[in-house]
């Protein structure tokens, strides 16, 4: 029987498939679309995702293809309210890697192919039934032929209109923001254009306009354009309309050479649980929110990485099935945080009351004058501050925190073909004996901890699972024994 059927071959499904394939888990990846995304869509890969790509083995391809944005600037009425510099982020990837989603998908498809796995195109999930230890799924192929198959796990990475989520009858709670937004992928000309290595936000009384750099000298412009009238949908914007908005809200540059002009609406919705039995959700199937902050695709890809090592450990019989119980609470909490932060940024940028706008601009100018505020915003955007302190897998002081890659003392935890915890212990002899008790869960060779007084177990996704004193061997053993069998 197949281990995993992944529905949806966007960045989230591709990431999940590549990680499961790396760990030797049999899978199928299907998508009803005849081809990958052809437009830019999601534009940014943040530092935490690049750190995780390092253990995946595809980081360099992304770095070679992307453009590095080193900061963001907020402007209003021709003046600068403040800067956010990404070079303060505590990561080797202290920048926003700007790369169109079509390139992200292309690179992930190529990475997946190195494991001998390809996307099955024009294959659609029709229905599914969960059973005892498996899922029966019916698929429809391009010629109309239907296929019934059995899989251990069904994972919905199939976006906001997820067939898997609908099949589980899970509420997608939330609402639409109510405004239309313009999107234009174009080129900018003129001395007044923002620097090509920064994200520029122009706050205006009629709504914000944001400029994102794209590789190849192109630019994404998005702008709020007013309330939606469902009875009279807006036609696609024209280049002249984009120029008029740019003149009014930013000024100083010309827009030319459009390749994509459209409108979109912001939805903020989320499920309350990411799994039900052997059917699991990841990415936009579980959470959608404002593009403010550029967290959507990154959060979904990190959903996939969190799920992959746990599912692999269970399917390889390295760990008990209960390990997967931690996926939903961990990523549910992250989804809540991302949705809340994106909503706040959107609400702040779209204030319509002139008095409130004035106070907002004064407050931003004041707060962004402090390096601590700038650093906090950069950390939030880069997602290096994400942690799982309240996870059922976190035990001890600082458990659940991101393990800084500078402390790896070797390859990143989770690298290679087997998902394993990494033990950091000053007593290497005792550490090796401890690891030998749990060969299915822990790398055989312990590493040097940054603090000799600590005993630490780092998860395959680079977060601290267990943290204790240098003499916490019994507690660490109990922690691992709950995840899988104690094998002397």
Protein backbone atom coordinates (compact mmCIF):
# COMPACT_ATOMS: atom_id res chain seq x y z
CA UNK A 1 0.00 0.00 0.00
CA UNK A 2 1.16 3.52 -0.81
CA UNK A 3 2.45 5.54 2.13
CA UNK A 4 1.19 8.98 1.08
CA UNK A 5 -1.07 10.56 -1.54
CA UNK A 6 -0.37 14.29 -1.80
CA UNK A 7 -3.06 16.38 -3.50
CA UNK A 8 -1.78 19.65 -4.95
CA UNK A 9 1.62 20.28 -6.55
CA UNK A 10 2.21 23.90 -5.61
CA UNK A 11 5.19 24.86 -3.45
CA UNK A 12 3.70 23.15 -0.37
CA UNK A 13 2.91 19.84 -2.03
CA UNK A 14 6.25 19.82 -3.85
CA UNK A 15 8.12 20.49 -0.61
CA UNK A 16 6.29 17.72 1.20
CA UNK A 17 6.84 15.26 -1.64
CA UNK A 18 10.56 16.06 -1.84
CA UNK A 19 11.02 15.63 1.90
CA UNK A 20 9.12 12.33 2.04
CA UNK A 21 11.03 11.05 -1.00
CA UNK A 22 14.32 12.06 0.64
CA UNK A 23 13.36 9.91 3.61
CA UNK A 24 12.43 6.96 1.41
CA UNK A 25 8.66 7.20 1.80
CA UNK A 26 6.60 5.97 -1.16
CA UNK A 27 4.22 8.62 -2.48
CA UNK A 28 2.15 9.95 -5.32
CA UNK A 29 1.81 13.67 -6.01
CA UNK A 30 -1.20 14.64 -8.11
CA UNK A 31 -2.47 17.95 -9.45
CA UNK A 32 -5.52 18.67 -11.60
CA UNK A 33 -3.70 21.46 -13.47
CA UNK A 34 -2.00 20.50 -16.76
CA UNK A 35 1.06 22.59 -15.96
CA UNK A 36 2.87 24.32 -13.05
CA UNK A 37 2.14 27.93 -12.11
CA UNK A 38 3.06 30.27 -14.95
CA UNK A 39 2.78 33.57 -13.04
CA UNK A 40 4.83 35.15 -10.28
CA UNK A 41 2.23 34.78 -7.45
CA UNK A 42 4.15 34.34 -4.15
CA UNK A 43 7.39 36.28 -4.43
CA UNK A 44 9.58 35.89 -1.36
CA UNK A 45 11.46 33.09 0.39
CA UNK A 46 12.44 34.11 3.92
CA UNK A 47 15.46 33.19 6.03
CA UNK A 48 13.86 30.37 8.02
CA UNK A 49 12.68 28.64 4.86
CA UNK A 50 16.18 28.92 3.37
CA UNK A 51 17.64 27.40 6.54
CA UNK A 52 15.27 24.46 6.15
CA UNK A 53 16.13 24.21 2.43
CA UNK A 54 19.72 23.70 3.50
CA UNK A 55 18.80 20.34 5.09
CA UNK A 56 16.54 19.59 2.10
CA UNK A 57 19.48 19.98 -0.27
CA UNK A 58 18.04 22.60 -2.64
CA UNK A 59 19.13 25.88 -1.04
CA UNK A 60 21.84 26.82 -3.54
CA UNK A 61 19.57 26.57 -6.57
CA UNK A 62 17.24 29.09 -4.96
CA UNK A 63 20.05 31.45 -4.00
CA UNK A 64 21.33 31.37 -7.58
CA UNK A 65 17.91 32.15 -9.05
CA UNK A 66 16.68 34.79 -6.62
CA UNK A 67 17.26 38.49 -5.97
CA UNK A 68 18.32 39.54 -2.47
CA UNK A 69 16.29 42.38 -0.99
CA UNK A 70 18.11 43.86 1.99
CA UNK A 71 15.36 45.90 3.57
CA UNK A 72 11.94 47.51 3.50
CA UNK A 73 11.00 51.18 3.61
CA UNK A 74 7.75 52.88 4.61
CA UNK A 75 6.99 56.19 2.91
CA UNK A 76 4.18 58.72 3.01
CA UNK A 77 3.64 62.05 1.25
CA UNK A 78 7.15 62.06 -0.19
CA UNK A 79 8.94 61.41 3.09
CA UNK A 80 10.42 58.28 4.65
CA UNK A 81 8.70 57.10 7.83
CA UNK A 82 11.28 54.43 8.57
CA UNK A 83 13.45 51.55 7.39
CA UNK A 84 13.57 47.86 8.30
CA UNK A 85 16.94 46.29 7.54
CA UNK A 86 17.08 42.52 7.10
CA UNK A 87 20.85 42.39 7.67
CA UNK A 88 20.15 42.32 11.43
CA UNK A 89 18.38 38.95 11.17
CA UNK A 90 20.32 36.29 13.08
CA UNK A 91 20.76 33.99 10.11
CA UNK A 92 23.19 33.38 7.29
CA UNK A 93 20.28 34.38 5.05
CA UNK A 94 19.73 37.90 6.34
CA UNK A 95 17.76 39.11 3.34
CA UNK A 96 14.46 38.50 1.58
CA UNK A 97 15.06 36.23 -1.40
CA UNK A 98 12.77 37.56 -4.12
CA UNK A 99 11.84 34.81 -6.57
CA UNK A 100 8.60 34.32 -8.55
CA UNK A 101 6.47 31.34 -7.62
CA UNK A 102 6.82 29.88 -11.12
CA UNK A 103 10.58 29.65 -10.45
CA UNK A 104 10.03 28.24 -6.97
CA UNK A 105 7.89 25.48 -8.45
CA UNK A 106 10.35 24.82 -11.27
CA UNK A 107 13.24 24.42 -8.84
CA UNK A 108 11.25 22.19 -6.50
CA UNK A 109 10.11 20.01 -9.42
CA UNK A 110 13.75 19.61 -10.47
CA UNK A 111 14.74 18.81 -6.88
CA UNK A 112 11.94 16.24 -6.59
CA UNK A 113 13.08 14.62 -9.84
CA UNK A 114 16.45 13.79 -8.23
CA UNK A 115 14.51 11.28 -6.10
CA UNK A 116 12.82 9.77 -9.15
CA UNK A 117 9.42 11.34 -8.43
CA UNK A 118 7.33 13.37 -10.89
CA UNK A 119 4.04 15.23 -10.59
CA UNK A 120 1.04 13.38 -12.03
CA UNK A 121 -0.73 16.14 -13.99
CA UNK A 122 -4.44 16.35 -14.84
CA UNK A 123 -5.27 13.91 -12.07
CA UNK A 124 -8.01 15.05 -9.71
CA UNK A 125 -9.16 13.80 -6.32
CA UNK A 126 -12.87 12.98 -6.67
CA UNK A 127 -13.64 11.59 -3.22
CA UNK A 128 -12.14 9.68 -0.34
CA UNK A 129 -13.14 7.53 2.61
CA UNK A 130 -11.00 7.11 5.70
CA UNK A 131 -10.74 3.60 7.08
CA UNK A 132 -8.87 1.75 9.80
CA UNK A 133 -5.22 2.48 9.07
CA UNK A 134 -5.75 3.69 5.50
CA UNK A 135 -7.62 6.02 3.16
CA UNK A 136 -9.49 4.89 0.05
CA UNK A 137 -9.30 7.62 -2.61
CA UNK A 138 -10.98 7.90 -6.00
CA UNK A 139 -9.02 9.76 -8.66
CA UNK A 140 -10.10 11.02 -12.08
CA UNK A 141 -7.59 11.20 -14.94
CA UNK A 142 -7.56 13.55 -17.94
CA UNK A 143 -9.40 11.04 -20.15
CA UNK A 144 -12.21 10.73 -17.60
CA UNK A 145 -11.12 7.33 -16.34
CA UNK A 146 -11.47 6.86 -12.60
CA UNK A 147 -9.08 4.99 -10.33
CA UNK A 148 -9.57 3.80 -6.77
CA UNK A 149 -6.46 3.50 -4.65
CA UNK A 150 -5.47 2.90 -1.04
CA UNK A 151 -2.95 5.01 0.86
CA UNK A 152 -1.75 5.22 4.45
CA UNK A 153 -2.07 9.03 4.47
CA UNK A 154 -3.95 11.59 2.41
CA UNK A 155 -2.44 15.08 2.55
CA UNK A 156 -4.32 18.06 1.17
CA UNK A 157 -1.94 20.70 -0.19
CA UNK A 158 -4.66 21.74 -2.64
CA UNK A 159 -5.14 25.37 -1.75
CA UNK A 160 -7.94 27.59 -0.54
CA UNK A 161 -10.65 25.51 -2.24
CA UNK A 162 -9.20 22.26 -0.92
CA UNK A 163 -11.11 19.11 -1.89
CA UNK A 164 -9.53 17.34 1.08
CA UNK A 165 -10.72 20.01 3.53
CA UNK A 166 -14.22 19.92 2.04
CA UNK A 167 -14.22 16.13 2.27
CA UNK A 168 -13.39 16.37 5.98
CA UNK A 169 -16.16 18.96 6.43
CA UNK A 170 -13.82 21.23 8.37
CA UNK A 171 -14.95 24.82 8.86
CA UNK A 172 -12.74 27.40 7.14
CA UNK A 173 -13.52 30.21 9.55
CA UNK A 174 -12.84 33.83 8.68
CA UNK A 175 -13.89 36.49 6.21
CA UNK A 176 -12.96 38.44 3.11
CA UNK A 177 -11.32 41.82 3.68
CA UNK A 178 -13.82 43.57 1.40
CA UNK A 179 -11.57 45.61 -0.89
CA UNK A 180 -10.29 44.99 -4.37
CA UNK A 181 -6.52 45.12 -4.80
CA UNK A 182 -4.61 45.74 -8.00
CA UNK A 183 -1.61 43.58 -8.95
CA UNK A 184 0.81 44.51 -11.72
CA UNK A 185 4.04 42.79 -12.75
CA UNK A 186 5.86 45.50 -14.70
CA UNK A 187 9.08 47.47 -15.00
CA UNK A 188 9.79 50.82 -13.38
CA UNK A 189 11.66 53.68 -15.02
CA UNK A 190 12.76 57.03 -13.64
CA UNK A 191 14.99 58.41 -10.92
CA UNK A 192 12.15 58.33 -8.39
CA UNK A 193 11.83 54.53 -8.47
CA UNK A 194 12.71 52.84 -5.17
CA UNK A 195 16.05 50.98 -4.92
CA UNK A 196 16.03 47.62 -6.65
CA UNK A 197 17.01 45.77 -3.47
CA UNK A 198 14.22 46.92 -1.14
CA UNK A 199 10.50 46.47 -0.60
CA UNK A 200 8.85 49.89 -0.66
CA UNK A 201 5.47 50.66 0.92
CA UNK A 202 3.79 53.99 0.15
CA UNK A 203 1.05 54.87 2.64
CA UNK A 204 -1.59 57.19 1.17
CA UNK A 205 -4.95 58.57 2.23
CA UNK A 206 -6.65 56.45 -0.48
CA UNK A 207 -4.82 53.25 0.44
CA UNK A 208 -1.34 51.75 0.27
CA UNK A 209 0.79 51.00 -2.77
CA UNK A 210 3.63 48.48 -2.36
CA UNK A 211 6.57 47.83 -4.70
CA UNK A 212 8.40 44.48 -4.63
CA UNK A 213 11.57 43.85 -6.66
CA UNK A 214 11.64 40.75 -8.87
CA UNK A 215 14.69 39.17 -10.56
CA UNK A 216 15.40 40.30 -14.10
CA UNK A 217 14.70 43.97 -13.46
CA UNK A 218 10.97 43.47 -13.05
CA UNK A 219 8.74 44.74 -10.24
CA UNK A 220 5.48 43.77 -8.57
CA UNK A 221 3.11 46.61 -7.64
CA UNK A 222 0.05 46.00 -5.50
CA UNK A 223 -2.39 48.67 -4.38
CA UNK A 224 -5.72 48.89 -2.59
CA UNK A 225 -8.34 50.21 -5.02
CA UNK A 226 -11.61 50.25 -3.08
CA UNK A 227 -14.61 48.24 -1.99
CA UNK A 228 -15.75 45.28 -4.01
CA UNK A 229 -19.13 45.37 -5.73
CA UNK A 230 -20.08 41.70 -6.33
CA UNK A 231 -22.70 42.77 -8.89
CA UNK A 232 -20.14 44.65 -10.98
CA UNK A 233 -16.72 42.89 -10.97
CA UNK A 234 -13.87 45.15 -11.96
CA UNK A 235 -12.27 44.57 -15.35
CA UNK A 236 -8.56 43.77 -15.34
CA UNK A 237 -6.53 46.94 -14.73
CA UNK A 238 -4.77 48.78 -17.53
CA UNK A 239 -1.22 50.10 -17.54
CA UNK A 240 -2.64 53.62 -17.52
CA UNK A 241 -4.59 52.82 -14.34
CA UNK A 242 -1.42 51.54 -12.69
CA UNK A 243 0.45 54.68 -13.73
CA UNK A 244 -2.31 56.90 -12.32
CA UNK A 245 -2.14 55.11 -8.96
CA UNK A 246 1.66 55.30 -8.91
CA UNK A 247 1.58 59.04 -9.73
CA UNK A 248 -0.93 59.73 -6.97
CA UNK A 249 0.54 57.58 -4.18
CA UNK A 250 4.26 57.35 -4.95
CA UNK A 251 5.28 59.63 -7.80
CA UNK A 252 8.60 59.89 -9.57
CA UNK A 253 8.58 56.81 -11.77
CA UNK A 254 6.98 55.38 -14.89
CA UNK A 255 5.46 51.92 -15.23
CA UNK A 256 6.16 50.04 -18.46
CA UNK A 257 6.26 46.56 -20.03
CA UNK A 258 3.41 44.80 -18.19
CA UNK A 259 3.29 40.98 -18.15
CA UNK A 260 0.49 40.45 -15.62
CA UNK A 261 -2.31 42.85 -14.65
CA UNK A 262 -5.14 41.66 -12.42
CA UNK A 263 -7.24 42.29 -9.33
CA UNK A 264 -7.48 40.14 -6.22
CA UNK A 265 -9.20 40.11 -2.85
CA UNK A 266 -7.76 39.35 0.56
CA UNK A 267 -9.30 36.48 2.49
CA UNK A 268 -8.40 35.61 6.07
CA UNK A 269 -9.54 32.09 6.89
CA UNK A 270 -8.22 29.13 8.84
CA UNK A 271 -9.21 25.69 10.08
CA UNK A 272 -9.02 24.93 13.80
CA UNK A 273 -7.33 21.56 13.30
CA UNK A 274 -4.90 20.43 10.61
CA UNK A 275 -5.59 16.69 10.76
CA UNK A 276 -8.48 14.31 11.12
CA UNK A 277 -7.51 10.67 11.32
CA UNK A 278 -5.30 9.84 8.36
CA UNK A 279 -6.24 12.94 6.35
CA UNK A 280 -4.02 15.98 6.90
CA UNK A 281 -3.96 19.57 5.63
CA UNK A 282 -1.03 21.87 4.88
CA UNK A 283 -0.56 25.32 3.38
CA UNK A 284 -3.48 27.28 1.93
CA UNK A 285 -5.77 24.29 2.46
CA UNK A 286 -5.47 25.07 6.18
CA UNK A 287 -4.85 28.83 6.29
CA UNK A 288 -5.07 31.82 3.97
CA UNK A 289 -4.40 35.41 4.90
CA UNK A 290 -3.29 38.81 3.72
CA UNK A 291 -0.09 38.89 1.63
CA UNK A 292 1.25 41.56 4.01
CA UNK A 293 4.60 40.30 5.25
CA UNK A 294 4.87 37.66 2.51
CA UNK A 295 4.43 34.77 4.93
CA UNK A 296 1.84 32.62 3.15
CA UNK A 297 3.97 30.34 0.97
CA UNK A 298 6.76 30.18 3.56
CA UNK A 299 4.35 29.13 6.30
CA UNK A 300 2.89 26.45 4.06
CA UNK A 301 6.30 25.08 3.11
CA UNK A 302 7.21 24.96 6.79
CA UNK A 303 3.95 23.09 7.47
CA UNK A 304 5.18 20.51 4.96
CA UNK A 305 8.63 20.19 6.52
CA UNK A 306 7.16 19.84 10.01
CA UNK A 307 4.83 17.10 8.80
CA UNK A 308 7.34 15.25 6.63
CA UNK A 309 9.86 14.15 9.25
CA UNK A 310 7.12 13.05 11.63
CA UNK A 311 5.22 11.07 9.01
CA UNK A 312 8.49 9.53 7.80
CA UNK A 313 9.49 8.44 11.31
CA UNK A 314 6.09 6.83 11.81
CA UNK A 315 6.01 5.08 8.42
CA UNK A 316 9.59 3.84 8.88
CA UNK A 317 8.53 2.52 12.32
CA UNK A 318 11.16 4.64 14.02
CA UNK A 319 8.56 6.31 16.21
CA UNK A 320 5.07 5.68 17.54
CA UNK A 321 2.08 7.00 15.55
CA UNK A 322 1.40 9.43 18.40
CA UNK A 323 4.35 11.51 17.14
CA UNK A 324 2.03 12.87 14.44
CA UNK A 325 -0.33 14.20 17.10
CA UNK A 326 2.07 17.12 17.52
CA UNK A 327 1.70 18.36 13.92
CA UNK A 328 -1.69 20.04 14.25
CA UNK A 329 -1.10 21.90 17.55
CA UNK A 330 2.35 23.10 16.47
CA UNK A 331 1.35 24.41 13.07
CA UNK A 332 -2.09 25.56 14.21
CA UNK A 333 -0.41 27.94 16.66
CA UNK A 334 1.94 29.21 13.96
CA UNK A 335 -0.97 29.69 11.57
CA UNK A 336 -2.84 31.72 14.20
CA UNK A 337 0.20 33.93 14.73
CA UNK A 338 0.85 34.52 11.03
CA UNK A 339 -2.79 35.30 10.31
CA UNK A 340 -2.91 37.70 13.27
CA UNK A 341 0.29 39.51 12.25
CA UNK A 342 -0.72 39.77 8.58
CA UNK A 343 -4.14 41.07 9.56
CA UNK A 344 -2.64 43.73 11.80
CA UNK A 345 -0.28 44.91 9.07
CA UNK A 346 -3.15 45.11 6.60
CA UNK A 347 -5.40 46.97 9.04
CA UNK A 348 -2.60 49.42 9.79
CA UNK A 349 -1.89 50.09 6.11
CA UNK A 350 -5.54 50.48 5.10
CA UNK A 351 -6.76 52.93 7.75
CA UNK A 352 -9.26 55.26 6.08
CA UNK A 353 -9.85 57.89 8.78
CA UNK A 354 -7.53 60.88 8.11
CA UNK A 355 -6.95 61.49 11.83
CA UNK A 356 -6.10 57.83 12.39
CA UNK A 357 -3.78 57.93 9.38
CA UNK A 358 -1.96 60.92 10.86
CA UNK A 359 -1.49 59.20 14.22
CA UNK A 360 -0.35 56.01 12.45
CA UNK A 361 2.32 57.87 10.50
CA UNK A 362 3.58 59.66 13.61
CA UNK A 363 3.68 56.39 15.54
CA UNK A 364 5.54 54.59 12.74
CA UNK A 365 8.09 57.38 12.43
CA UNK A 366 8.67 57.26 16.19
CA UNK A 367 8.80 53.47 16.63
CA UNK A 368 10.94 52.80 13.58
CA UNK A 369 13.52 55.17 15.00
CA UNK A 370 14.42 52.42 17.49
CA UNK A 371 16.72 49.62 16.35
CA UNK A 372 14.97 47.18 18.68
CA UNK A 373 11.66 47.74 16.87
CA UNK A 374 13.31 47.40 13.47
CA UNK A 375 15.01 44.18 14.56
CA UNK A 376 11.78 42.74 15.96
CA UNK A 377 9.93 43.40 12.72
CA UNK A 378 12.73 41.87 10.65
CA UNK A 379 12.78 38.79 12.88
CA UNK A 380 9.02 38.37 12.54
CA UNK A 381 9.08 38.73 8.76
CA UNK A 382 12.00 36.32 8.35
CA UNK A 383 10.22 33.73 10.56
CA UNK A 384 13.39 32.87 12.48
CA UNK A 385 11.50 33.69 15.67
CA UNK A 386 8.96 30.87 15.22
CA UNK A 387 9.08 28.45 18.15
CA UNK A 388 7.11 25.56 19.62
CA UNK A 389 7.36 26.27 23.33
CA UNK A 390 3.88 24.85 24.02
CA UNK A 391 4.29 21.77 21.85
CA UNK A 392 3.74 18.30 23.33
CA UNK A 393 7.23 17.55 21.93
CA UNK A 394 8.92 20.36 23.87
CA UNK A 395 10.40 19.59 27.27
CA UNK A 396 12.78 21.67 29.36
CA UNK A 397 14.02 25.25 29.34
CA UNK A 398 14.33 26.71 25.81
CA UNK A 399 12.68 23.63 24.32
CA UNK A 400 10.75 24.41 21.17
CA UNK A 401 13.14 27.18 20.19
CA UNK A 402 14.83 27.28 16.78
CA UNK A 403 18.30 25.74 16.94
CA UNK A 404 20.57 28.37 15.41
CA UNK A 405 22.37 26.85 12.40
CA UNK A 406 25.63 28.44 13.61
CA UNK A 407 25.50 25.90 16.47
CA UNK A 408 25.04 22.82 14.25
CA UNK A 409 28.62 21.49 14.67
CA UNK A 410 28.18 19.53 11.45
CA UNK A 411 25.45 19.05 8.88
CA UNK A 412 22.04 20.51 9.79
CA UNK A 413 19.92 18.16 11.91
CA UNK A 414 17.56 16.27 9.64
CA UNK A 415 20.00 16.09 6.71
CA UNK A 416 20.43 12.86 4.81
CA UNK A 417 18.07 9.98 4.08
CA UNK A 418 16.96 9.16 7.64
CA UNK A 419 15.18 11.59 9.99
CA UNK A 420 17.00 11.53 13.33
CA UNK A 421 17.33 13.68 16.43
CA UNK A 422 20.79 15.07 17.12
CA UNK A 423 22.24 14.81 20.62
CA UNK A 424 24.39 17.65 21.93
CA UNK A 425 26.34 16.56 25.01
CA UNK A 426 29.73 17.50 26.49
CA UNK A 427 30.32 13.91 27.66
CA UNK A 428 30.88 12.29 24.26
CA UNK A 429 31.44 8.77 25.65
CA UNK A 430 28.24 8.78 27.65
CA UNK A 431 26.47 10.45 24.76
CA UNK A 432 27.48 7.70 22.34
CA UNK A 433 26.21 5.05 24.76
CA UNK A 434 22.95 6.96 25.15
CA UNK A 435 22.49 7.25 21.37
CA UNK A 436 23.12 3.52 21.02
CA UNK A 437 20.03 2.91 23.18
CA UNK A 438 17.89 4.75 20.63
CA UNK A 439 19.38 3.96 17.20
CA UNK A 440 16.08 4.56 15.43
CA UNK A 441 15.69 8.02 16.91
CA UNK A 442 19.13 9.56 17.47
CA UNK A 443 22.27 10.07 15.39
CA UNK A 444 24.97 7.70 16.70
CA UNK A 445 27.62 10.38 17.24
CA UNK A 446 26.88 13.16 19.74
CA UNK A 447 27.96 16.70 18.97
CA UNK A 448 29.47 19.46 21.07
CA UNK A 449 26.91 21.73 22.74
CA UNK A 450 27.50 25.50 22.68
CA UNK A 451 27.07 25.39 26.45
CA UNK A 452 28.80 22.47 28.16
CA UNK A 453 26.28 22.60 31.00
CA UNK A 454 23.39 21.60 28.73
CA UNK A 455 22.10 18.32 27.33
CA UNK A 456 20.05 18.96 24.20
CA UNK A 457 18.13 16.90 21.66
CA UNK A 458 17.49 18.77 18.40
CA UNK A 459 14.64 17.62 16.19
CA UNK A 460 15.09 16.79 12.48
CA UNK A 461 13.50 20.14 11.59
CA UNK A 462 16.03 22.14 13.60
CA UNK A 463 14.03 22.93 16.73
CA UNK A 464 15.00 21.96 20.27
CA UNK A 465 12.94 19.02 21.46
CA UNK A 466 14.55 18.37 24.83
CA UNK A 467 16.77 20.66 26.88
CA UNK A 468 18.17 19.89 30.30
CA UNK A 469 21.28 20.09 32.44
CA UNK A 470 24.42 18.12 31.61
CA UNK A 471 23.19 15.40 33.99
CA UNK A 472 19.65 15.09 32.62
CA UNK A 473 20.29 11.72 30.98
CA UNK A 474 17.38 9.95 32.64
CA UNK A 475 14.95 12.70 31.65
CA UNK A 476 16.25 12.67 28.07
CA UNK A 477 15.82 8.90 27.95
CA UNK A 478 12.25 9.21 29.17
CA UNK A 479 11.58 11.84 26.50
CA UNK A 480 12.76 9.53 23.72
CA UNK A 481 11.06 6.46 25.17
CA UNK A 482 7.71 8.20 24.78
CA UNK A 483 8.40 8.84 21.08
CA UNK A 484 9.45 5.32 20.18
CA UNK A 485 10.54 1.98 21.64
CA UNK A 486 13.62 1.90 23.87
CA UNK A 487 15.93 -0.45 21.97
CA UNK A 488 18.97 -1.58 23.97
